[in-house]
Amino acid sequence: MKNTEITGLNLAELKEKIVSEKENLRKMTFAHQVSAIENPMKIKETRRLIAKLKTELTAKERQK
């Protein structure tokens, strides 16, 4: 996701996206531990996306 897409989300959408990405990360790390996944850089990208989403969520909560 691009930053412009992230800033366009509201609080509920951000929370929902964080939950789904955390679940996705959990599944990827488990799959990577069992057997090497095709692209391990996806794990890093997902962690960074979660951080971006959390940062935007905090910024929007502080605005209110």
PDB file of N, CA and C in Angstrom:
ATOM      1  N   MET A   1       0.834  -1.185   0.000  1.00  0.00           N
ATOM      2  CA  MET A   1       0.000   0.000   0.000  1.00  0.00           C
ATOM      3  C   MET A   1       0.877   1.245   0.000  1.00  0.00           C
ATOM      4  N   LYS A   2       0.432   2.215  -0.720  1.00  0.00           N
ATOM      5  CA  LYS A   2       1.142   3.486  -0.733  1.00  0.00           C
ATOM      6  C   LYS A   2       0.662   4.353   0.419  1.00  0.00           C
ATOM      7  N   ASN A   3       1.478   5.324   0.794  1.00  0.00           N
ATOM      8  CA  ASN A   3       1.131   6.192   1.911  1.00  0.00           C
ATOM      9  C   ASN A   3      -0.153   6.966   1.659  1.00  0.00           C
ATOM     10  N   THR A   4      -0.414   7.341   0.416  1.00  0.00           N
ATOM     11  CA  THR A   4      -1.639   8.073   0.123  1.00  0.00           C
ATOM     12  C   THR A   4      -2.869   7.197   0.354  1.00  0.00           C
ATOM     13  N   GLU A   5      -2.734   5.903   0.069  1.00  0.00           N
ATOM     14  CA  GLU A   5      -3.839   4.973   0.326  1.00  0.00           C
ATOM     15  C   GLU A   5      -4.061   4.809   1.823  1.00  0.00           C
ATOM     16  N   ILE A   6      -2.968   4.769   2.578  1.00  0.00           N
ATOM     17  CA  ILE A   6      -3.058   4.596   4.023  1.00  0.00           C
ATOM     18  C   ILE A   6      -3.704   5.809   4.674  1.00  0.00           C
ATOM     19  N   THR A   7      -3.322   7.008   4.242  1.00  0.00           N
ATOM     20  CA  THR A   7      -3.891   8.214   4.839  1.00  0.00           C
ATOM     21  C   THR A   7      -5.357   8.384   4.488  1.00  0.00           C
ATOM     22  N   GLY A   8      -5.809   7.771   3.417  1.00  0.00           N
ATOM     23  CA  GLY A   8      -7.206   7.859   3.003  1.00  0.00           C
ATOM     24  C   GLY A   8      -8.141   6.981   3.817  1.00  0.00           C
ATOM     25  N   LEU A   9      -7.605   6.078   4.618  1.00  0.00           N
ATOM     26  CA  LEU A   9      -8.440   5.175   5.410  1.00  0.00           C
ATOM     27  C   LEU A   9      -8.922   5.859   6.688  1.00  0.00           C
ATOM     28  N   ASN A  10     -10.109   5.467   7.155  1.00  0.00           N
ATOM     29  CA  ASN A  10     -10.589   6.008   8.431  1.00  0.00           C
ATOM     30  C   ASN A  10     -10.151   5.082   9.558  1.00  0.00           C
ATOM     31  N   LEU A  11     -10.498   5.427  10.798  1.00  0.00           N
ATOM     32  CA  LEU A  11     -10.026   4.678  11.964  1.00  0.00           C
ATOM     33  C   LEU A  11     -10.445   3.210  11.928  1.00  0.00           C
ATOM     34  N   ALA A  12     -11.702   2.951  11.612  1.00  0.00           N
ATOM     35  CA  ALA A  12     -12.189   1.572  11.592  1.00  0.00           C
ATOM     36  C   ALA A  12     -11.476   0.748  10.515  1.00  0.00           C
ATOM     37  N   GLU A  13     -11.275   1.344   9.351  1.00  0.00           N
ATOM     38  CA  GLU A  13     -10.590   0.637   8.274  1.00  0.00           C
ATOM     39  C   GLU A  13      -9.144   0.356   8.636  1.00  0.00           C
ATOM     40  N   LEU A  14      -8.494   1.321   9.309  1.00  0.00           N
ATOM     41  CA  LEU A  14      -7.107   1.117   9.733  1.00  0.00           C
ATOM     42  C   LEU A  14      -7.005  -0.037  10.722  1.00  0.00           C
ATOM     43  N   LYS A  15      -7.893  -0.068  11.701  1.00  0.00           N
ATOM     44  CA  LYS A  15      -7.869  -1.141  12.692  1.00  0.00           C
ATOM     45  C   LYS A  15      -8.106  -2.494  12.041  1.00  0.00           C
ATOM     46  N   GLU A  16      -9.051  -2.536  11.115  1.00  0.00           N
ATOM     47  CA  GLU A  16      -9.361  -3.780  10.412  1.00  0.00           C
ATOM     48  C   GLU A  16      -8.166  -4.245   9.576  1.00  0.00           C
ATOM     49  N   LYS A  17      -7.514  -3.321   8.894  1.00  0.00           N
ATOM     50  CA  LYS A  17      -6.361  -3.643   8.058  1.00  0.00           C
ATOM     51  C   LYS A  17      -5.196  -4.141   8.908  1.00  0.00           C
ATOM     52  N   ILE A  18      -4.987  -3.535  10.083  1.00  0.00           N
ATOM     53  CA  ILE A  18      -3.910  -3.969  10.981  1.00  0.00           C
ATOM     54  C   ILE A  18      -4.146  -5.405  11.423  1.00  0.00           C
ATOM     55  N   VAL A  19      -5.371  -5.716  11.809  1.00  0.00           N
ATOM     56  CA  VAL A  19      -5.690  -7.077  12.254  1.00  0.00           C
ATOM     57  C   VAL A  19      -5.446  -8.084  11.126  1.00  0.00           C
ATOM     58  N   SER A  20      -5.887  -7.754   9.926  1.00  0.00           N
ATOM     59  CA  SER A  20      -5.726  -8.696   8.816  1.00  0.00           C
ATOM     60  C   SER A  20      -4.254  -8.868   8.441  1.00  0.00           C
ATOM     61  N   GLU A  21      -3.484  -7.784   8.483  1.00  0.00           N
ATOM     62  CA  GLU A  21      -2.063  -7.884   8.149  1.00  0.00           C
ATOM     63  C   GLU A  21      -1.285  -8.641   9.221  1.00  0.00           C
ATOM     64  N   LYS A  22      -1.675  -8.489  10.488  1.00  0.00           N
ATOM     65  CA  LYS A  22      -1.027  -9.256  11.551  1.00  0.00           C
ATOM     66  C   LYS A  22      -1.286 -10.747  11.367  1.00  0.00           C
ATOM     67  N   GLU A  23      -2.498 -11.088  10.994  1.00  0.00           N
ATOM     68  CA  GLU A  23      -2.840 -12.482  10.747  1.00  0.00           C
ATOM     69  C   GLU A  23      -2.039 -13.014   9.556  1.00  0.00           C
ATOM     70  N   ASN A  24      -1.925 -12.213   8.525  1.00  0.00           N
ATOM     71  CA  ASN A  24      -1.151 -12.579   7.344  1.00  0.00           C
ATOM     72  C   ASN A  24       0.321 -12.789   7.721  1.00  0.00           C
ATOM     73  N   LEU A  25       0.868 -11.910   8.546  1.00  0.00           N
ATOM     74  CA  LEU A  25       2.257 -12.027   8.990  1.00  0.00           C
ATOM     75  C   LEU A  25       2.454 -13.296   9.809  1.00  0.00           C
ATOM     76  N   ARG A  26       1.503 -13.590  10.684  1.00  0.00           N
ATOM     77  CA  ARG A  26       1.604 -14.791  11.510  1.00  0.00           C
ATOM     78  C   ARG A  26       1.638 -16.041  10.631  1.00  0.00           C
ATOM     79  N   LYS A  27       0.785 -16.077   9.621  1.00  0.00           N
ATOM     80  CA  LYS A  27       0.742 -17.230   8.720  1.00  0.00           C
ATOM     81  C   LYS A  27       2.040 -17.355   7.920  1.00  0.00           C
ATOM     82  N   MET A  28       2.558 -16.212   7.448  1.00  0.00           N
ATOM     83  CA  MET A  28       3.795 -16.251   6.664  1.00  0.00           C
ATOM     84  C   MET A  28       4.985 -16.705   7.501  1.00  0.00           C
ATOM     85  N   THR A  29       5.100 -16.212   8.729  1.00  0.00           N
ATOM     86  CA  THR A  29       6.228 -16.615   9.563  1.00  0.00           C
ATOM     87  C   THR A  29       6.138 -18.096   9.914  1.00  0.00           C
ATOM     88  N   PHE A  30       4.932 -18.589  10.157  1.00  0.00           N
ATOM     89  CA  PHE A  30       4.772 -20.010  10.433  1.00  0.00           C
ATOM     90  C   PHE A  30       5.168 -20.842   9.214  1.00  0.00           C
ATOM     91  N   ALA A  31       4.712 -20.434   8.044  1.00  0.00           N
ATOM     92  CA  ALA A  31       5.049 -21.151   6.811  1.00  0.00           C
ATOM     93  C   ALA A  31       6.553 -21.109   6.560  1.00  0.00           C
ATOM     94  N   HIS A  32       7.185 -20.000   6.909  1.00  0.00           N
ATOM     95  CA  HIS A  32       8.624 -19.859   6.701  1.00  0.00           C
ATOM     96  C   HIS A  32       9.405 -20.742   7.672  1.00  0.00           C
ATOM     97  N   GLN A  33       8.880 -20.944   8.872  1.00  0.00           N
ATOM     98  CA  GLN A  33       9.548 -21.805   9.833  1.00  0.00           C
ATOM     99  C   GLN A  33       9.433 -23.271   9.438  1.00  0.00           C
ATOM    100  N   VAL A  34       8.313 -23.647   8.876  1.00  0.00           N
ATOM    101  CA  VAL A  34       8.096 -25.040   8.459  1.00  0.00           C
ATOM    102  C   VAL A  34       8.965 -25.360   7.243  1.00  0.00           C
ATOM    103  N   SER A  35       8.858 -24.531   6.227  1.00  0.00           N
ATOM    104  CA  SER A  35       9.696 -24.682   5.034  1.00  0.00           C
ATOM    105  C   SER A  35       9.878 -23.297   4.432  1.00  0.00           C
ATOM    106  N   ALA A  36      10.988 -23.092   3.802  1.00  0.00           N
ATOM    107  CA  ALA A  36      11.309 -21.771   3.263  1.00  0.00           C
ATOM    108  C   ALA A  36      10.238 -21.308   2.276  1.00  0.00           C
ATOM    109  N   ILE A  37       9.754 -20.077   2.491  1.00  0.00           N
ATOM    110  CA  ILE A  37       8.764 -19.536   1.556  1.00  0.00           C
ATOM    111  C   ILE A  37       9.488 -18.990   0.330  1.00  0.00           C
ATOM    112  N   GLU A  38       8.735 -18.757  -0.714  1.00  0.00           N
ATOM    113  CA  GLU A  38       9.314 -18.348  -1.990  1.00  0.00           C
ATOM    114  C   GLU A  38      10.041 -17.005  -1.893  1.00  0.00           C
ATOM    115  N   ASN A  39       9.420 -16.032  -1.224  1.00  0.00           N
ATOM    116  CA  ASN A  39      10.016 -14.704  -1.129  1.00  0.00           C
ATOM    117  C   ASN A  39      10.017 -14.253   0.332  1.00  0.00           C
ATOM    118  N   PRO A  40      11.106 -14.488   1.064  1.00  0.00           N
ATOM    119  CA  PRO A  40      11.139 -14.123   2.477  1.00  0.00           C
ATOM    120  C   PRO A  40      11.108 -12.614   2.733  1.00  0.00           C
ATOM    121  N   MET A  41      11.358 -11.807   1.720  1.00  0.00           N
ATOM    122  CA  MET A  41      11.297 -10.354   1.893  1.00  0.00           C
ATOM    123  C   MET A  41       9.860  -9.889   2.117  1.00  0.00           C
ATOM    124  N   LYS A  42       8.880 -10.726   1.778  1.00  0.00           N
ATOM    125  CA  LYS A  42       7.473 -10.393   2.025  1.00  0.00           C
ATOM    126  C   LYS A  42       7.221 -10.219   3.518  1.00  0.00           C
ATOM    127  N   ILE A  43       7.929 -10.983   4.353  1.00  0.00           N
ATOM    128  CA  ILE A  43       7.771 -10.868   5.805  1.00  0.00           C
ATOM    129  C   ILE A  43       8.188  -9.473   6.252  1.00  0.00           C
ATOM    130  N   LYS A  44       9.320  -9.013   5.753  1.00  0.00           N
ATOM    131  CA  LYS A  44       9.818  -7.685   6.096  1.00  0.00           C
ATOM    132  C   LYS A  44       8.857  -6.595   5.606  1.00  0.00           C
ATOM    133  N   GLU A  45       8.364  -6.750   4.396  1.00  0.00           N
ATOM    134  CA  GLU A  45       7.431  -5.766   3.839  1.00  0.00           C
ATOM    135  C   GLU A  45       6.139  -5.702   4.655  1.00  0.00           C
ATOM    136  N   THR A  46       5.667  -6.849   5.092  1.00  0.00           N
ATOM    137  CA  THR A  46       4.435  -6.896   5.878  1.00  0.00           C
ATOM    138  C   THR A  46       4.635  -6.235   7.234  1.00  0.00           C
ATOM    139  N   ARG A  47       5.775  -6.484   7.869  1.00  0.00           N
ATOM    140  CA  ARG A  47       6.066  -5.831   9.156  1.00  0.00           C
ATOM    141  C   ARG A  47       6.108  -4.318   9.004  1.00  0.00           C
ATOM    142  N   ARG A  48       6.711  -3.855   7.930  1.00  0.00           N
ATOM    143  CA  ARG A  48       6.780  -2.405   7.679  1.00  0.00           C
ATOM    144  C   ARG A  48       5.399  -1.817   7.400  1.00  0.00           C
ATOM    145  N   LEU A  49       4.564  -2.553   6.675  1.00  0.00           N
ATOM    146  CA  LEU A  49       3.209  -2.085   6.403  1.00  0.00           C
ATOM    147  C   LEU A  49       2.416  -1.959   7.700  1.00  0.00           C
ATOM    148  N   ILE A  50       2.565  -2.933   8.593  1.00  0.00           N
ATOM    149  CA  ILE A  50       1.876  -2.874   9.883  1.00  0.00           C
ATOM    150  C   ILE A  50       2.339  -1.652  10.657  1.00  0.00           C
ATOM    151  N   ALA A  51       3.634  -1.365  10.628  1.00  0.00           N
ATOM    152  CA  ALA A  51       4.169  -0.195  11.332  1.00  0.00           C
ATOM    153  C   ALA A  51       3.603   1.099  10.747  1.00  0.00           C
ATOM    154  N   LYS A  52       3.517   1.176   9.429  1.00  0.00           N
ATOM    155  CA  LYS A  52       2.948   2.367   8.788  1.00  0.00           C
ATOM    156  C   LYS A  52       1.486   2.549   9.179  1.00  0.00           C
ATOM    157  N   LEU A  53       0.740   1.444   9.187  1.00  0.00           N
ATOM    158  CA  LEU A  53      -0.672   1.511   9.556  1.00  0.00           C
ATOM    159  C   LEU A  53      -0.842   1.964  11.004  1.00  0.00           C
ATOM    160  N   LYS A  54      -0.009   1.427  11.901  1.00  0.00           N
ATOM    161  CA  LYS A  54      -0.091   1.810  13.310  1.00  0.00           C
ATOM    162  C   LYS A  54       0.279   3.276  13.506  1.00  0.00           C
ATOM    163  N   THR A  55       1.265   3.750  12.758  1.00  0.00           N
ATOM    164  CA  THR A  55       1.668   5.152  12.847  1.00  0.00           C
ATOM    165  C   THR A  55       0.528   6.065  12.418  1.00  0.00           C
ATOM    166  N   GLU A  56      -0.121   5.734  11.326  1.00  0.00           N
ATOM    167  CA  GLU A  56      -1.240   6.535  10.837  1.00  0.00           C
ATOM    168  C   GLU A  56      -2.420   6.477  11.800  1.00  0.00           C
ATOM    169  N   LEU A  57      -2.659   5.303  12.389  1.00  0.00           N
ATOM    170  CA  LEU A  57      -3.741   5.154  13.368  1.00  0.00           C
ATOM    171  C   LEU A  57      -3.493   6.060  14.578  1.00  0.00           C
ATOM    172  N   THR A  58      -2.271   6.065  15.077  1.00  0.00           N
ATOM    173  CA  THR A  58      -1.924   6.915  16.216  1.00  0.00           C
ATOM    174  C   THR A  58      -2.075   8.389  15.869  1.00  0.00           C
ATOM    175  N   ALA A  59      -1.638   8.772  14.682  1.00  0.00           N
ATOM    176  CA  ALA A  59      -1.744  10.170  14.260  1.00  0.00           C
ATOM    177  C   ALA A  59      -3.207  10.605  14.189  1.00  0.00           C
ATOM    178  N   LYS A  60      -4.068   9.751  13.636  1.00  0.00           N
ATOM    179  CA  LYS A  60      -5.488  10.100  13.513  1.00  0.00           C
ATOM    180  C   LYS A  60      -6.174  10.140  14.874  1.00  0.00           C
ATOM    181  N   GLU A  61      -5.769   9.256  15.792  1.00  0.00           N
ATOM    182  CA  GLU A  61      -6.365   9.262  17.122  1.00  0.00           C
ATOM    183  C   GLU A  61      -5.969  10.510  17.900  1.00  0.00           C
ATOM    184  N   ARG A  62      -4.765  10.990  17.694  1.00  0.00           N
ATOM    185  CA  ARG A  62      -4.294  12.196  18.388  1.00  0.00           C
ATOM    186  C   ARG A  62      -4.943  13.455  17.846  1.00  0.00           C
ATOM    187  N   GLN A  63      -5.391  13.426  16.608  1.00  0.00           N
ATOM    188  CA  GLN A  63      -6.049  14.590  16.001  1.00  0.00           C
ATOM    189  C   GLN A  63      -7.379  14.851  16.673  1.00  0.00           C
ATOM    190  N   LYS A  64      -8.023  13.802  17.161  1.00  0.00           N
ATOM    191  CA  LYS A  64      -9.361  13.960  17.732  1.00  0.00           C
ATOM    192  C   LYS A  64      -9.342  14.390  19.150  1.00  0.00           C
TER     193      LYS A  64
END
